[in-house]
N, C-alpha and C. Protein backbone atom coordinates (compact mmCIF):
# COMPACT_ATOMS: atom_id res chain seq x y z
N MET A 1 -16.09 -11.70 4.42
CA MET A 1 -17.25 -10.72 4.89
C MET A 1 -18.27 -11.14 3.69
N GLY A 2 -19.37 -11.73 4.01
CA GLY A 2 -20.44 -12.20 2.81
C GLY A 2 -21.55 -10.96 2.80
N ASP A 3 -22.39 -11.46 1.93
CA ASP A 3 -23.89 -10.77 2.10
C ASP A 3 -23.64 -9.29 1.55
N GLY A 4 -22.77 -8.96 0.77
CA GLY A 4 -22.64 -7.55 0.07
C GLY A 4 -21.80 -6.63 1.12
N TRP A 5 -21.68 -6.76 2.14
CA TRP A 5 -20.90 -5.90 3.17
C TRP A 5 -19.56 -5.49 3.12
N GLY A 6 -18.64 -6.19 2.12
CA GLY A 6 -17.41 -5.80 1.61
C GLY A 6 -17.33 -4.79 0.81
N PRO A 7 -18.10 -4.79 -0.26
CA PRO A 7 -18.19 -3.67 -1.15
C PRO A 7 -18.40 -2.23 -0.64
N LEU A 8 -19.68 -2.43 0.34
CA LEU A 8 -20.31 -1.23 1.13
C LEU A 8 -19.22 -0.92 2.01
N LEU A 9 -18.63 -1.78 2.69
CA LEU A 9 -17.47 -1.05 3.65
C LEU A 9 -16.23 -0.33 2.88
N ALA A 10 -16.04 -1.01 1.74
CA ALA A 10 -14.93 -0.35 0.86
C ALA A 10 -15.09 0.62 0.44
N ALA A 11 -16.57 1.12 -0.02
CA ALA A 11 -17.03 2.42 -0.58
C ALA A 11 -16.98 3.49 0.49
N ILE A 12 -17.35 2.96 1.73
CA ILE A 12 -17.36 3.99 2.94
C ILE A 12 -16.03 4.53 3.46
N LEU A 13 -15.01 3.48 3.22
CA LEU A 13 -13.90 3.86 3.78
C LEU A 13 -13.16 4.45 2.41
N LEU A 14 -13.43 4.31 1.46
CA LEU A 14 -12.65 5.05 0.47
C LEU A 14 -13.26 6.67 0.52
N MET A 15 -14.61 6.64 0.54
CA MET A 15 -15.08 8.02 0.86
C MET A 15 -14.46 8.75 1.83
N LEU A 16 -14.50 8.09 3.08
CA LEU A 16 -14.03 8.71 4.23
C LEU A 16 -12.42 9.36 4.16
N ALA A 17 -11.81 8.17 3.38
CA ALA A 17 -10.28 8.63 3.32
C ALA A 17 -10.19 9.64 2.38
N LEU A 18 -10.97 9.90 1.28
CA LEU A 18 -10.81 10.83 0.24
C LEU A 18 -11.14 12.20 0.95
N ARG A 19 -12.14 12.26 1.79
CA ARG A 19 -12.61 13.25 2.77
C ARG A 19 -11.41 13.64 3.59
N GLY A 20 -10.96 12.75 3.93
CA GLY A 20 -9.88 13.05 5.23
C GLY A 20 -8.71 13.66 4.70
N ILE A 21 -8.40 13.42 3.35
CA ILE A 21 -7.48 13.93 2.57
C ILE A 21 -7.80 15.47 2.23
N GLY A 22 -9.14 15.52 1.78
CA GLY A 22 -9.49 16.99 1.66
C GLY A 22 -9.59 17.77 2.82
N VAL A 23 -9.85 17.28 4.03
CA VAL A 23 -9.79 18.21 5.25
C VAL A 23 -8.47 18.26 5.57
N ALA A 24 -7.46 17.33 5.48
CA ALA A 24 -5.93 17.61 5.91
C ALA A 24 -5.44 18.75 5.05
N LEU A 25 -5.87 18.82 3.41
CA LEU A 25 -5.49 19.85 2.90
C LEU A 25 -5.79 21.09 2.58
N ALA A 26 -7.41 21.19 3.44
CA ALA A 26 -7.82 22.29 3.24
C ALA A 26 -7.42 23.44 3.94
N TRP A 27 -6.67 23.26 4.93
CA TRP A 27 -5.90 24.41 5.58
C TRP A 27 -4.81 25.00 4.61
N ARG A 28 -4.25 24.10 3.52
CA ARG A 28 -3.16 24.78 2.65
C ARG A 28 -3.78 25.31 1.31
N LEU A 29 -5.32 24.81 1.04
CA LEU A 29 -5.76 25.03 -0.04
C LEU A 29 -6.91 25.80 -0.13
N PRO A 30 -7.20 26.76 -0.96
CA PRO A 30 -8.48 27.56 -0.88
C PRO A 30 -9.71 26.44 -1.02
N ALA A 31 -10.79 26.79 -0.41
CA ALA A 31 -12.05 25.83 -0.56
C ALA A 31 -12.36 25.51 -2.00
N ASP A 32 -12.12 26.32 -2.97
CA ASP A 32 -12.57 26.18 -4.39
C ASP A 32 -11.52 25.52 -5.24
N HIS A 33 -10.44 25.21 -4.60
CA HIS A 33 -9.35 24.52 -5.21
C HIS A 33 -9.74 23.25 -6.20
N PRO A 34 -9.25 23.05 -6.99
CA PRO A 34 -9.55 21.99 -7.94
C PRO A 34 -9.42 20.43 -7.26
N ALA A 35 -8.33 20.54 -6.37
CA ALA A 35 -8.03 19.06 -5.67
C ALA A 35 -9.05 18.97 -4.70
N ILE A 36 -9.54 19.73 -4.23
CA ILE A 36 -10.69 19.64 -3.18
C ILE A 36 -11.97 19.13 -3.80
N ALA A 37 -12.22 19.79 -4.94
CA ALA A 37 -13.61 19.47 -5.61
C ALA A 37 -13.26 18.05 -6.32
N TRP A 38 -12.22 17.78 -6.81
CA TRP A 38 -12.01 16.42 -7.31
C TRP A 38 -12.03 15.17 -6.17
N ALA A 39 -11.57 15.28 -4.97
CA ALA A 39 -11.52 14.54 -3.92
C ALA A 39 -13.10 14.07 -3.58
N THR A 40 -13.78 15.30 -3.44
CA THR A 40 -15.14 15.33 -2.95
C THR A 40 -16.06 14.63 -4.08
N ALA A 41 -15.71 14.76 -5.40
CA ALA A 41 -16.43 14.04 -6.54
C ALA A 41 -16.19 12.58 -6.60
N VAL A 42 -14.74 12.13 -6.53
CA VAL A 42 -14.38 11.05 -6.29
C VAL A 42 -14.75 10.06 -5.26
N SER A 43 -15.03 10.67 -4.15
CA SER A 43 -15.58 10.03 -2.96
C SER A 43 -17.25 9.81 -3.20
N GLU A 44 -17.71 10.68 -3.66
CA GLU A 44 -19.17 10.50 -3.88
C GLU A 44 -19.65 9.48 -4.99
N ALA A 45 -18.67 9.59 -5.92
CA ALA A 45 -18.76 8.62 -7.06
C ALA A 45 -18.56 7.27 -6.75
N ALA A 46 -17.75 6.97 -5.68
CA ALA A 46 -17.44 5.59 -5.23
C ALA A 46 -18.51 5.03 -4.42
N LEU A 47 -19.19 6.11 -3.68
CA LEU A 47 -20.23 5.34 -2.86
C LEU A 47 -21.41 5.53 -3.80
N SER A 48 -21.65 6.30 -4.81
CA SER A 48 -22.76 6.17 -5.57
C SER A 48 -22.76 4.96 -6.51
N ALA A 49 -21.85 4.58 -7.02
CA ALA A 49 -21.53 3.38 -7.79
C ALA A 49 -22.15 2.02 -6.90
N TRP A 50 -21.62 2.16 -5.66
CA TRP A 50 -22.26 1.03 -4.67
C TRP A 50 -23.53 1.11 -4.79
N VAL A 51 -24.15 2.27 -4.53
CA VAL A 51 -25.66 2.30 -4.20
C VAL A 51 -26.31 1.80 -5.47
N VAL A 52 -25.95 2.12 -6.67
CA VAL A 52 -26.63 1.77 -7.87
C VAL A 52 -26.38 0.21 -8.07
N LEU A 53 -25.13 -0.30 -7.86
CA LEU A 53 -25.21 -1.67 -8.05
C LEU A 53 -26.10 -2.49 -7.10
N ALA A 54 -26.17 -1.83 -5.81
CA ALA A 54 -26.95 -2.46 -4.62
C ALA A 54 -28.51 -2.39 -4.94
N LEU A 55 -29.12 -1.08 -5.76
CA LEU A 55 -30.30 -1.40 -6.25
C LEU A 55 -30.62 -2.25 -7.30
N VAL A 56 -29.78 -2.31 -8.21
CA VAL A 56 -30.39 -3.09 -9.67
C VAL A 56 -29.66 -4.43 -9.61
N SER A 57 -28.90 -4.93 -8.81
CA SER A 57 -28.36 -6.34 -8.74
C SER A 57 -29.12 -7.04 -7.95
N PRO A 58 -29.28 -8.26 -8.10
CA PRO A 58 -29.69 -9.26 -7.32
C PRO A 58 -28.84 -9.39 -5.95
N GLY A 59 -29.46 -9.28 -4.81
CA GLY A 59 -28.47 -9.37 -3.60
C GLY A 59 -29.29 -10.05 -2.55
N PRO A 60 -28.87 -9.87 -1.23
CA PRO A 60 -29.57 -10.48 -0.04
C PRO A 60 -30.74 -9.85 0.31
N TRP A 61 -31.06 -8.74 -0.07
CA TRP A 61 -32.38 -8.11 0.18
C TRP A 61 -33.36 -7.97 -1.06
N PRO A 62 -34.57 -8.09 -0.45
CA PRO A 62 -35.70 -8.04 -1.60
C PRO A 62 -35.57 -6.46 -2.17
N LEU A 63 -36.26 -6.34 -3.46
CA LEU A 63 -36.30 -5.09 -4.12
C LEU A 63 -36.96 -4.14 -3.29
N ALA A 64 -38.13 -4.62 -2.59
CA ALA A 64 -38.93 -3.60 -1.86
C ALA A 64 -38.08 -2.91 -0.79
N ALA A 65 -37.22 -3.63 -0.03
CA ALA A 65 -36.18 -3.25 0.82
C ALA A 65 -35.27 -2.16 0.32
N ARG A 66 -34.71 -2.72 -0.79
CA ARG A 66 -33.84 -1.80 -1.57
C ARG A 66 -34.57 -0.50 -2.07
N LEU A 67 -35.58 -0.64 -2.42
CA LEU A 67 -36.19 0.81 -2.97
C LEU A 67 -36.55 1.48 -1.85
N ALA A 68 -37.04 1.05 -0.77
CA ALA A 68 -37.42 2.04 0.46
C ALA A 68 -36.08 2.39 1.11
N GLY A 69 -35.04 1.76 1.11
CA GLY A 69 -33.93 2.30 1.64
C GLY A 69 -33.30 3.32 0.79
N ALA A 70 -33.55 3.23 -0.51
CA ALA A 70 -32.88 4.38 -1.61
C ALA A 70 -33.79 5.68 -1.10
N GLY A 71 -35.29 5.57 -1.04
CA GLY A 71 -36.07 6.60 -0.73
C GLY A 71 -35.94 7.30 0.32
N VAL A 72 -35.80 6.55 1.52
CA VAL A 72 -35.32 7.28 2.67
C VAL A 72 -34.03 7.98 2.66
N ALA A 73 -32.95 7.29 1.97
CA ALA A 73 -31.55 7.70 1.89
C ALA A 73 -31.70 9.26 1.29
N LEU A 74 -32.56 9.19 -0.06
CA LEU A 74 -32.65 10.45 -0.74
C LEU A 74 -33.09 11.49 0.11
N ALA A 75 -34.36 11.30 0.93
CA ALA A 75 -35.18 12.14 1.60
C ALA A 75 -34.21 12.69 2.70
N VAL A 76 -33.50 11.73 3.35
CA VAL A 76 -32.79 12.39 4.58
C VAL A 76 -31.70 13.11 4.07
N PHE A 77 -30.97 12.63 3.01
CA PHE A 77 -30.14 13.47 2.22
C PHE A 77 -30.19 14.70 2.28
N ILE A 78 -31.42 15.03 1.53
CA ILE A 78 -32.02 16.28 1.03
C ILE A 78 -32.48 17.27 2.42
N LEU A 79 -33.25 16.64 3.40
CA LEU A 79 -33.54 17.22 4.47
C LEU A 79 -32.40 17.58 5.39
N ALA A 80 -31.30 16.77 5.43
CA ALA A 80 -30.23 16.87 6.12
C ALA A 80 -29.38 18.19 5.73
N GLY A 81 -29.73 18.57 4.59
CA GLY A 81 -28.85 19.61 3.92
C GLY A 81 -27.70 19.09 3.05
N ARG A 82 -28.25 18.24 2.41
CA ARG A 82 -27.18 17.20 1.28
C ARG A 82 -26.06 16.74 2.32
N ARG A 83 -26.22 16.37 3.26
CA ARG A 83 -25.18 15.54 4.29
C ARG A 83 -25.33 14.05 3.83
N LEU A 84 -24.37 13.47 3.36
CA LEU A 84 -24.07 12.05 2.85
C LEU A 84 -24.30 11.21 3.73
N LEU A 85 -23.57 11.16 5.00
CA LEU A 85 -23.64 10.12 5.93
C LEU A 85 -24.72 10.01 6.66
N PRO A 86 -25.78 10.87 7.00
CA PRO A 86 -26.83 10.61 7.60
C PRO A 86 -27.90 9.86 6.75
N GLY A 87 -27.88 10.30 5.38
CA GLY A 87 -28.82 9.63 4.42
C GLY A 87 -28.22 8.25 4.34
N LEU A 88 -27.07 7.94 4.08
CA LEU A 88 -26.57 6.49 4.03
C LEU A 88 -26.88 5.62 5.36
N ALA A 89 -26.43 6.29 6.31
CA ALA A 89 -26.91 5.42 7.74
C ALA A 89 -28.50 4.99 7.80
N LEU A 90 -29.26 6.16 7.61
CA LEU A 90 -30.73 5.93 7.71
C LEU A 90 -31.50 5.20 6.32
N GLY A 91 -30.79 5.30 5.32
CA GLY A 91 -31.23 4.30 4.17
C GLY A 91 -30.69 3.06 4.45
N LEU A 92 -29.80 2.75 4.90
CA LEU A 92 -29.50 1.27 5.55
C LEU A 92 -30.31 0.71 6.23
N ALA A 93 -30.65 1.83 7.45
CA ALA A 93 -31.49 1.28 8.59
C ALA A 93 -32.92 0.92 7.74
N ALA A 94 -33.42 1.56 6.99
CA ALA A 94 -34.43 1.25 6.19
C ALA A 94 -34.51 -0.08 5.61
N VAL A 95 -33.44 -0.16 4.96
CA VAL A 95 -33.36 -1.49 4.24
C VAL A 95 -33.60 -2.69 5.29
N TRP A 96 -32.88 -2.84 6.43
CA TRP A 96 -32.88 -3.68 7.27
C TRP A 96 -34.21 -3.75 7.97
N VAL A 97 -34.95 -2.63 8.16
CA VAL A 97 -36.39 -2.77 8.81
C VAL A 97 -37.39 -3.26 7.83
N VAL A 98 -37.28 -2.73 6.58
CA VAL A 98 -38.36 -3.45 5.72
C VAL A 98 -38.00 -4.89 5.42
N ASP A 99 -36.75 -5.31 5.40
CA ASP A 99 -36.32 -6.65 5.05
C ASP A 99 -36.95 -7.59 6.23
N TRP A 100 -36.88 -7.02 7.52
CA TRP A 100 -37.02 -7.76 8.53
C TRP A 100 -38.91 -7.88 8.56
N LEU A 101 -39.40 -6.60 8.20
CA LEU A 101 -40.86 -6.88 8.13
C LEU A 101 -41.32 -7.50 7.05
N LEU A 102 -40.78 -7.97 6.07
CA LEU A 102 -41.10 -8.89 4.93
C LEU A 102 -40.94 -10.25 5.35
N ARG A 103 -40.29 -10.77 6.24
CA ARG A 103 -39.93 -12.12 6.60
C ARG A 103 -40.78 -12.55 7.28
């Protein structure tokens, strides 16, 4: 899997797996339990690490597309009530659209 998709998919799968574990344990643990907080923090950190790497390292997308995607992702994340998946999905879509427009 070329063009940077492997790390993105790995980060998404790790985030979803950790959140799934958190959901599976949620019925046994209180919402403020340290294990739930840890799983959330680690899953978000894994995805954040990929996002930072995608922004600063040279890759298949021009800098303008990467910055537009980051801006859209952040705006959607905030407007959607701090929901990570809509921000990620629309940010990635913005990268593709801007990349397509620049070609």
